[in-house]
All heavy atoms as atom14 arrays in JSON, in Angstrom:
{
  "sequence": "IVLLFTDGVTEAMNGRLECFGEARLMAALEASPDQE",
  "atom14_mask": [
    [1, 1, 1, 1, 1, 1, 1, 1, 0, 0, 0, 0, 0, 0],
    [1, 1, 1, 1, 1, 1, 1, 0, 0, 0, 0, 0, 0, 0],
    [1, 1, 1, 1, 1, 1, 1, 1, 0, 0, 0, 0, 0, 0],
    [1, 1, 1, 1, 1, 1, 1, 1, 0, 0, 0, 0, 0, 0],
    [1, 1, 1, 1, 1, 1, 1, 1, 1, 1, 1, 0, 0, 0],
    [1, 1, 1, 1, 1, 1, 1, 0, 0, 0, 0, 0, 0, 0],
    [1, 1, 1, 1, 1, 1, 1, 1, 0, 0, 0, 0, 0, 0],
    [1, 1, 1, 1, 0, 0, 0, 0, 0, 0, 0, 0, 0, 0],
    [1, 1, 1, 1, 1, 1, 1, 0, 0, 0, 0, 0, 0, 0],
    [1, 1, 1, 1, 1, 1, 1, 0, 0, 0, 0, 0, 0, 0],
    [1, 1, 1, 1, 1, 1, 1, 1, 1, 0, 0, 0, 0, 0],
    [1, 1, 1, 1, 1, 0, 0, 0, 0, 0, 0, 0, 0, 0],
    [1, 1, 1, 1, 1, 1, 1, 1, 0, 0, 0, 0, 0, 0],
    [1, 1, 1, 1, 1, 1, 1, 1, 0, 0, 0, 0, 0, 0],
    [1, 1, 1, 1, 0, 0, 0, 0, 0, 0, 0, 0, 0, 0],
    [1, 1, 1, 1, 1, 1, 1, 1, 1, 1, 1, 0, 0, 0],
    [1, 1, 1, 1, 1, 1, 1, 1, 0, 0, 0, 0, 0, 0],
    [1, 1, 1, 1, 1, 1, 1, 1, 1, 0, 0, 0, 0, 0],
    [1, 1, 1, 1, 1, 1, 0, 0, 0, 0, 0, 0, 0, 0],
    [1, 1, 1, 1, 1, 1, 1, 1, 1, 1, 1, 0, 0, 0],
    [1, 1, 1, 1, 0, 0, 0, 0, 0, 0, 0, 0, 0, 0],
    [1, 1, 1, 1, 1, 1, 1, 1, 1, 0, 0, 0, 0, 0],
    [1, 1, 1, 1, 1, 0, 0, 0, 0, 0, 0, 0, 0, 0],
    [1, 1, 1, 1, 1, 1, 1, 1, 1, 1, 1, 0, 0, 0],
    [1, 1, 1, 1, 1, 1, 1, 1, 0, 0, 0, 0, 0, 0],
    [1, 1, 1, 1, 1, 1, 1, 1, 0, 0, 0, 0, 0, 0],
    [1, 1, 1, 1, 1, 0, 0, 0, 0, 0, 0, 0, 0, 0],
    [1, 1, 1, 1, 1, 0, 0, 0, 0, 0, 0, 0, 0, 0],
    [1, 1, 1, 1, 1, 1, 1, 1, 0, 0, 0, 0, 0, 0],
    [1, 1, 1, 1, 1, 1, 1, 1, 1, 0, 0, 0, 0, 0],
    [1, 1, 1, 1, 1, 0, 0, 0, 0, 0, 0, 0, 0, 0],
    [1, 1, 1, 1, 1, 1, 0, 0, 0, 0, 0, 0, 0, 0],
    [1, 1, 1, 1, 1, 1, 1, 0, 0, 0, 0, 0, 0, 0],
    [1, 1, 1, 1, 1, 1, 1, 1, 0, 0, 0, 0, 0, 0],
    [1, 1, 1, 1, 1, 1, 1, 1, 1, 0, 0, 0, 0, 0],
    [1, 1, 1, 1, 1, 1, 1, 1, 1, 0, 0, 0, 0, 0]
  ],
  "atom14_positions": [
    [[80.52, 26.22, 131.94], [81.33, 25.24, 132.61], [80.43, 24.42, 133.52], [79.57, 24.96, 134.23], [82.44, 25.9, 133.44], [83.39, 26.62, 132.51], [83.17, 24.87, 134.31], [84.39, 27.49, 133.23], [0.0, 0.0, 0.0], [0.0, 0.0, 0.0], [0.0, 0.0, 0.0], [0.0, 0.0, 0.0], [0.0, 0.0, 0.0], [0.0, 0.0, 0.0]],
    [[80.62, 23.1, 133.51], [79.88, 22.19, 134.39], [80.92, 21.47, 135.22], [81.87, 20.91, 134.71], [79.06, 21.18, 133.57], [78.35, 20.17, 134.49], [78.06, 21.87, 132.69], [0.0, 0.0, 0.0], [0.0, 0.0, 0.0], [0.0, 0.0, 0.0], [0.0, 0.0, 0.0], [0.0, 0.0, 0.0], [0.0, 0.0, 0.0], [0.0, 0.0, 0.0]],
    [[80.7, 21.46, 136.54], [81.61, 20.77, 137.44], [80.76, 19.76, 138.24], [79.86, 20.15, 138.95], [82.32, 21.73, 138.41], [83.17, 21.1, 139.5], [84.33, 20.29, 138.88], [83.72, 22.17, 140.43], [0.0, 0.0, 0.0], [0.0, 0.0, 0.0], [0.0, 0.0, 0.0], [0.0, 0.0, 0.0], [0.0, 0.0, 0.0], [0.0, 0.0, 0.0]],
    [[81.09, 18.48, 138.12], [80.47, 17.43, 138.89], [81.53, 16.9, 139.85], [82.69, 16.75, 139.47], [80.0, 16.31, 137.96], [79.11, 16.7, 136.79], [78.94, 15.55, 135.81], [77.8, 17.22, 137.27], [0.0, 0.0, 0.0], [0.0, 0.0, 0.0], [0.0, 0.0, 0.0], [0.0, 0.0, 0.0], [0.0, 0.0, 0.0], [0.0, 0.0, 0.0]],
    [[81.12, 16.63, 141.09], [82.11, 16.18, 142.06], [81.46, 15.32, 143.11], [80.25, 15.4, 143.39], [82.79, 17.39, 142.72], [81.82, 18.38, 143.37], [81.46, 18.24, 144.71], [81.25, 19.39, 142.64], [80.58, 19.12, 145.29], [80.35, 20.27, 143.23], [80.01, 20.13, 144.56], [0.0, 0.0, 0.0], [0.0, 0.0, 0.0], [0.0, 0.0, 0.0]],
    [[82.26, 14.49, 143.73], [81.8, 13.66, 144.87], [81.96, 14.44, 146.16], [82.66, 15.46, 146.2], [82.62, 12.33, 144.95], [84.0, 12.67, 145.2], [82.48, 11.52, 143.66], [0.0, 0.0, 0.0], [0.0, 0.0, 0.0], [0.0, 0.0, 0.0], [0.0, 0.0, 0.0], [0.0, 0.0, 0.0], [0.0, 0.0, 0.0], [0.0, 0.0, 0.0]],
    [[81.31, 13.96, 147.18], [81.41, 14.62, 148.46], [82.84, 14.61, 149.04], [83.14, 15.43, 149.9], [80.43, 14.01, 149.48], [80.72, 12.54, 149.79], [81.49, 11.92, 149.05], [80.17, 12.04, 150.76], [0.0, 0.0, 0.0], [0.0, 0.0, 0.0], [0.0, 0.0, 0.0], [0.0, 0.0, 0.0], [0.0, 0.0, 0.0], [0.0, 0.0, 0.0]],
    [[83.68, 13.74, 148.53], [85.07, 13.73, 148.98], [85.8, 15.02, 148.69], [86.75, 15.39, 149.4], [0.0, 0.0, 0.0], [0.0, 0.0, 0.0], [0.0, 0.0, 0.0], [0.0, 0.0, 0.0], [0.0, 0.0, 0.0], [0.0, 0.0, 0.0], [0.0, 0.0, 0.0], [0.0, 0.0, 0.0], [0.0, 0.0, 0.0], [0.0, 0.0, 0.0]],
    [[85.39, 15.75, 147.65], [86.02, 17.01, 147.3], [85.65, 18.07, 148.33], [86.5, 18.7, 148.9], [85.63, 17.46, 145.86], [86.16, 18.84, 145.59], [86.12, 16.45, 144.84], [0.0, 0.0, 0.0], [0.0, 0.0, 0.0], [0.0, 0.0, 0.0], [0.0, 0.0, 0.0], [0.0, 0.0, 0.0], [0.0, 0.0, 0.0], [0.0, 0.0, 0.0]],
    [[84.36, 18.26, 148.54], [83.92, 19.32, 149.48], [84.17, 18.93, 150.93], [84.27, 19.82, 151.78], [82.44, 19.65, 149.28], [81.67, 18.43, 149.36], [82.22, 20.31, 147.93], [0.0, 0.0, 0.0], [0.0, 0.0, 0.0], [0.0, 0.0, 0.0], [0.0, 0.0, 0.0], [0.0, 0.0, 0.0], [0.0, 0.0, 0.0], [0.0, 0.0, 0.0]],
    [[84.3, 17.64, 151.21], [84.57, 17.22, 152.59], [86.03, 16.94, 152.84], [86.38, 16.42, 153.92], [83.7, 16.0, 152.92], [82.22, 16.32, 152.92], [81.32, 15.11, 153.15], [81.84, 13.98, 153.3], [80.1, 15.31, 153.1], [0.0, 0.0, 0.0], [0.0, 0.0, 0.0], [0.0, 0.0, 0.0], [0.0, 0.0, 0.0], [0.0, 0.0, 0.0]],
    [[86.9, 17.28, 151.88], [88.34, 17.12, 152.11], [88.75, 18.02, 153.29], [88.35, 19.18, 153.34], [89.11, 17.49, 150.85], [0.0, 0.0, 0.0], [0.0, 0.0, 0.0], [0.0, 0.0, 0.0], [0.0, 0.0, 0.0], [0.0, 0.0, 0.0], [0.0, 0.0, 0.0], [0.0, 0.0, 0.0], [0.0, 0.0, 0.0], [0.0, 0.0, 0.0]],
    [[89.5, 17.46, 154.22], [89.82, 18.2, 155.43], [91.28, 18.58, 155.54], [92.16, 17.86, 155.06], [89.48, 17.36, 156.68], [88.01, 17.18, 156.92], [87.75, 16.38, 158.49], [86.34, 15.37, 158.1], [0.0, 0.0, 0.0], [0.0, 0.0, 0.0], [0.0, 0.0, 0.0], [0.0, 0.0, 0.0], [0.0, 0.0, 0.0], [0.0, 0.0, 0.0]],
    [[91.51, 19.72, 156.19], [92.86, 20.14, 156.42], [93.29, 19.63, 157.84], [92.5, 18.88, 158.47], [93.01, 21.67, 156.32], [92.15, 22.42, 157.3], [91.67, 21.87, 158.3], [91.97, 23.69, 157.04], [0.0, 0.0, 0.0], [0.0, 0.0, 0.0], [0.0, 0.0, 0.0], [0.0, 0.0, 0.0], [0.0, 0.0, 0.0], [0.0, 0.0, 0.0]],
    [[94.44, 19.99, 158.3], [94.95, 19.56, 159.59], [94.11, 20.02, 160.78], [94.18, 19.45, 161.88], [0.0, 0.0, 0.0], [0.0, 0.0, 0.0], [0.0, 0.0, 0.0], [0.0, 0.0, 0.0], [0.0, 0.0, 0.0], [0.0, 0.0, 0.0], [0.0, 0.0, 0.0], [0.0, 0.0, 0.0], [0.0, 0.0, 0.0], [0.0, 0.0, 0.0]],
    [[93.3, 21.08, 160.59], [92.42, 21.57, 161.66], [91.03, 20.98, 161.61], [90.11, 21.44, 162.28], [92.35, 23.11, 161.62], [93.71, 23.79, 161.84], [93.56, 25.28, 161.79], [93.02, 25.73, 160.52], [93.73, 26.29, 159.55], [94.98, 26.58, 159.75], [93.17, 26.66, 158.41], [0.0, 0.0, 0.0], [0.0, 0.0, 0.0], [0.0, 0.0, 0.0]],
    [[90.88, 19.96, 160.76], [89.63, 19.26, 160.54], [88.52, 20.13, 159.97], [87.34, 19.93, 160.21], [89.12, 18.57, 161.83], [90.1, 17.55, 162.45], [89.51, 16.96, 163.71], [90.43, 16.44, 161.45], [0.0, 0.0, 0.0], [0.0, 0.0, 0.0], [0.0, 0.0, 0.0], [0.0, 0.0, 0.0], [0.0, 0.0, 0.0], [0.0, 0.0, 0.0]],
    [[88.92, 21.16, 159.17], [87.98, 22.01, 158.46], [87.75, 21.4, 157.08], [88.71, 20.94, 156.48], [88.53, 23.42, 158.31], [88.78, 24.14, 159.62], [89.61, 25.39, 159.44], [90.54, 25.42, 158.6], [89.28, 26.37, 160.14], [0.0, 0.0, 0.0], [0.0, 0.0, 0.0], [0.0, 0.0, 0.0], [0.0, 0.0, 0.0], [0.0, 0.0, 0.0]],
    [[86.54, 21.47, 156.61], [86.22, 20.94, 155.28], [86.5, 22.0, 154.22], [86.3, 23.19, 154.44], [84.76, 20.54, 155.19], [84.37, 19.01, 156.09], [0.0, 0.0, 0.0], [0.0, 0.0, 0.0], [0.0, 0.0, 0.0], [0.0, 0.0, 0.0], [0.0, 0.0, 0.0], [0.0, 0.0, 0.0], [0.0, 0.0, 0.0], [0.0, 0.0, 0.0]],
    [[86.92, 21.56, 153.02], [87.13, 22.47, 151.89], [85.85, 23.17, 151.56], [85.86, 24.39, 151.37], [87.66, 21.66, 150.7], [88.1, 22.49, 149.55], [89.2, 23.33, 149.65], [87.44, 22.43, 148.33], [89.62, 24.09, 148.56], [87.84, 23.18, 147.24], [88.95, 24.02, 147.37], [0.0, 0.0, 0.0], [0.0, 0.0, 0.0], [0.0, 0.0, 0.0]],
    [[84.74, 22.48, 151.47], [83.42, 23.09, 151.34], [83.09, 23.56, 149.9], [83.94, 23.72, 149.07], [0.0, 0.0, 0.0], [0.0, 0.0, 0.0], [0.0, 0.0, 0.0], [0.0, 0.0, 0.0], [0.0, 0.0, 0.0], [0.0, 0.0, 0.0], [0.0, 0.0, 0.0], [0.0, 0.0, 0.0], [0.0, 0.0, 0.0], [0.0, 0.0, 0.0]],
    [[81.81, 23.81, 149.71], [81.34, 24.24, 148.39], [81.76, 25.68, 148.1], [82.03, 26.01, 146.96], [79.81, 24.12, 148.33], [79.32, 22.68, 148.29], [77.81, 22.59, 148.17], [77.14, 23.55, 147.82], [77.32, 21.47, 148.45], [0.0, 0.0, 0.0], [0.0, 0.0, 0.0], [0.0, 0.0, 0.0], [0.0, 0.0, 0.0], [0.0, 0.0, 0.0]],
    [[81.82, 26.55, 149.11], [82.2, 27.93, 148.86], [83.63, 28.04, 148.35], [83.9, 28.78, 147.39], [82.07, 28.73, 150.15], [0.0, 0.0, 0.0], [0.0, 0.0, 0.0], [0.0, 0.0, 0.0], [0.0, 0.0, 0.0], [0.0, 0.0, 0.0], [0.0, 0.0, 0.0], [0.0, 0.0, 0.0], [0.0, 0.0, 0.0], [0.0, 0.0, 0.0]],
    [[84.56, 27.24, 148.9], [85.94, 27.28, 148.42], [86.04, 26.66, 147.02], [86.79, 27.12, 146.2], [86.87, 26.54, 149.39], [87.16, 27.3, 150.66], [88.22, 26.54, 151.5], [88.47, 27.24, 152.76], [87.79, 27.03, 153.89], [86.86, 26.12, 153.93], [88.09, 27.71, 154.98], [0.0, 0.0, 0.0], [0.0, 0.0, 0.0], [0.0, 0.0, 0.0]],
    [[85.25, 25.62, 146.79], [85.25, 24.98, 145.47], [84.73, 26.0, 144.43], [85.33, 26.14, 143.36], [84.4, 23.72, 145.49], [84.33, 22.94, 144.16], [85.75, 22.57, 143.67], [83.45, 21.72, 144.33], [0.0, 0.0, 0.0], [0.0, 0.0, 0.0], [0.0, 0.0, 0.0], [0.0, 0.0, 0.0], [0.0, 0.0, 0.0], [0.0, 0.0, 0.0]],
    [[83.67, 26.69, 144.74], [83.11, 27.69, 143.8], [84.1, 28.82, 143.59], [84.3, 29.3, 142.46], [81.82, 28.25, 144.28], [80.62, 27.28, 144.13], [80.35, 26.76, 142.44], [80.05, 28.28, 141.64], [0.0, 0.0, 0.0], [0.0, 0.0, 0.0], [0.0, 0.0, 0.0], [0.0, 0.0, 0.0], [0.0, 0.0, 0.0], [0.0, 0.0, 0.0]],
    [[84.77, 29.26, 144.65], [85.75, 30.33, 144.52], [86.9, 29.88, 143.61], [87.4, 30.66, 142.8], [86.29, 30.74, 145.88], [0.0, 0.0, 0.0], [0.0, 0.0, 0.0], [0.0, 0.0, 0.0], [0.0, 0.0, 0.0], [0.0, 0.0, 0.0], [0.0, 0.0, 0.0], [0.0, 0.0, 0.0], [0.0, 0.0, 0.0], [0.0, 0.0, 0.0]],
    [[87.31, 28.64, 143.74], [88.4, 28.1, 142.86], [87.94, 28.04, 141.43], [88.7, 28.37, 140.5], [88.8, 26.69, 143.35], [0.0, 0.0, 0.0], [0.0, 0.0, 0.0], [0.0, 0.0, 0.0], [0.0, 0.0, 0.0], [0.0, 0.0, 0.0], [0.0, 0.0, 0.0], [0.0, 0.0, 0.0], [0.0, 0.0, 0.0], [0.0, 0.0, 0.0]],
    [[86.71, 27.67, 141.2], [86.18, 27.6, 139.84], [86.01, 28.97, 139.23], [86.31, 29.21, 138.06], [84.85, 26.85, 139.85], [84.16, 26.63, 138.53], [85.01, 25.8, 137.57], [82.82, 25.97, 138.73], [0.0, 0.0, 0.0], [0.0, 0.0, 0.0], [0.0, 0.0, 0.0], [0.0, 0.0, 0.0], [0.0, 0.0, 0.0], [0.0, 0.0, 0.0]],
    [[85.55, 29.91, 140.02], [85.27, 31.25, 139.52], [86.49, 32.16, 139.48], [86.44, 33.24, 138.92], [84.19, 31.93, 140.39], [82.83, 31.27, 140.25], [81.81, 31.75, 141.24], [82.2, 32.41, 142.23], [80.64, 31.5, 141.04], [0.0, 0.0, 0.0], [0.0, 0.0, 0.0], [0.0, 0.0, 0.0], [0.0, 0.0, 0.0], [0.0, 0.0, 0.0]],
    [[87.61, 31.7, 140.03], [88.81, 32.54, 140.1], [89.28, 33.01, 138.72], [89.6, 34.17, 138.55], [89.94, 31.81, 140.81], [0.0, 0.0, 0.0], [0.0, 0.0, 0.0], [0.0, 0.0, 0.0], [0.0, 0.0, 0.0], [0.0, 0.0, 0.0], [0.0, 0.0, 0.0], [0.0, 0.0, 0.0], [0.0, 0.0, 0.0], [0.0, 0.0, 0.0]],
    [[89.26, 32.14, 137.77], [89.69, 32.46, 136.4], [88.93, 31.64, 135.38], [89.53, 30.77, 134.73], [91.19, 32.26, 136.26], [91.89, 33.04, 137.18], [0.0, 0.0, 0.0], [0.0, 0.0, 0.0], [0.0, 0.0, 0.0], [0.0, 0.0, 0.0], [0.0, 0.0, 0.0], [0.0, 0.0, 0.0], [0.0, 0.0, 0.0], [0.0, 0.0, 0.0]],
    [[87.63, 31.88, 135.22], [86.85, 31.0, 134.35], [87.24, 31.08, 132.88], [86.96, 30.2, 132.09], [85.41, 31.5, 134.51], [85.56, 32.91, 135.0], [86.84, 32.93, 135.81], [0.0, 0.0, 0.0], [0.0, 0.0, 0.0], [0.0, 0.0, 0.0], [0.0, 0.0, 0.0], [0.0, 0.0, 0.0], [0.0, 0.0, 0.0], [0.0, 0.0, 0.0]],
    [[87.94, 32.14, 132.48], [88.37, 32.3, 131.1], [89.72, 31.69, 130.81], [90.23, 31.78, 129.66], [88.38, 33.78, 130.68], [86.97, 34.38, 130.78], [85.99, 33.63, 130.52], [86.87, 35.55, 131.09], [0.0, 0.0, 0.0], [0.0, 0.0, 0.0], [0.0, 0.0, 0.0], [0.0, 0.0, 0.0], [0.0, 0.0, 0.0], [0.0, 0.0, 0.0]],
    [[90.33, 31.06, 131.79], [91.65, 30.43, 131.6], [91.5, 29.27, 130.58], [90.43, 28.73, 130.38], [92.13, 29.8, 132.91], [92.76, 30.76, 133.85], [93.3, 30.01, 135.07], [92.93, 28.92, 135.4], [94.25, 30.67, 135.74], [0.0, 0.0, 0.0], [0.0, 0.0, 0.0], [0.0, 0.0, 0.0], [0.0, 0.0, 0.0], [0.0, 0.0, 0.0]],
    [[92.64, 28.9, 130.02], [92.69, 27.69, 129.2], [92.2, 26.54, 130.1], [92.41, 26.49, 131.3], [94.15, 27.48, 128.75], [94.35, 26.35, 127.78], [94.59, 25.03, 128.43], [95.19, 24.92, 129.5], [94.1, 24.02, 127.84], [0.0, 0.0, 0.0], [0.0, 0.0, 0.0], [0.0, 0.0, 0.0], [0.0, 0.0, 0.0], [0.0, 0.0, 0.0]]
  ]
}
């Protein structure tokens, strides 16, 4: 799997001004890599 993304994905902020970040993005990608 190859995931390309802009900084807007990892810098997306919640109401507490926390960034989504690369760690959360990787966790989302790795959660179920064998899914359809």
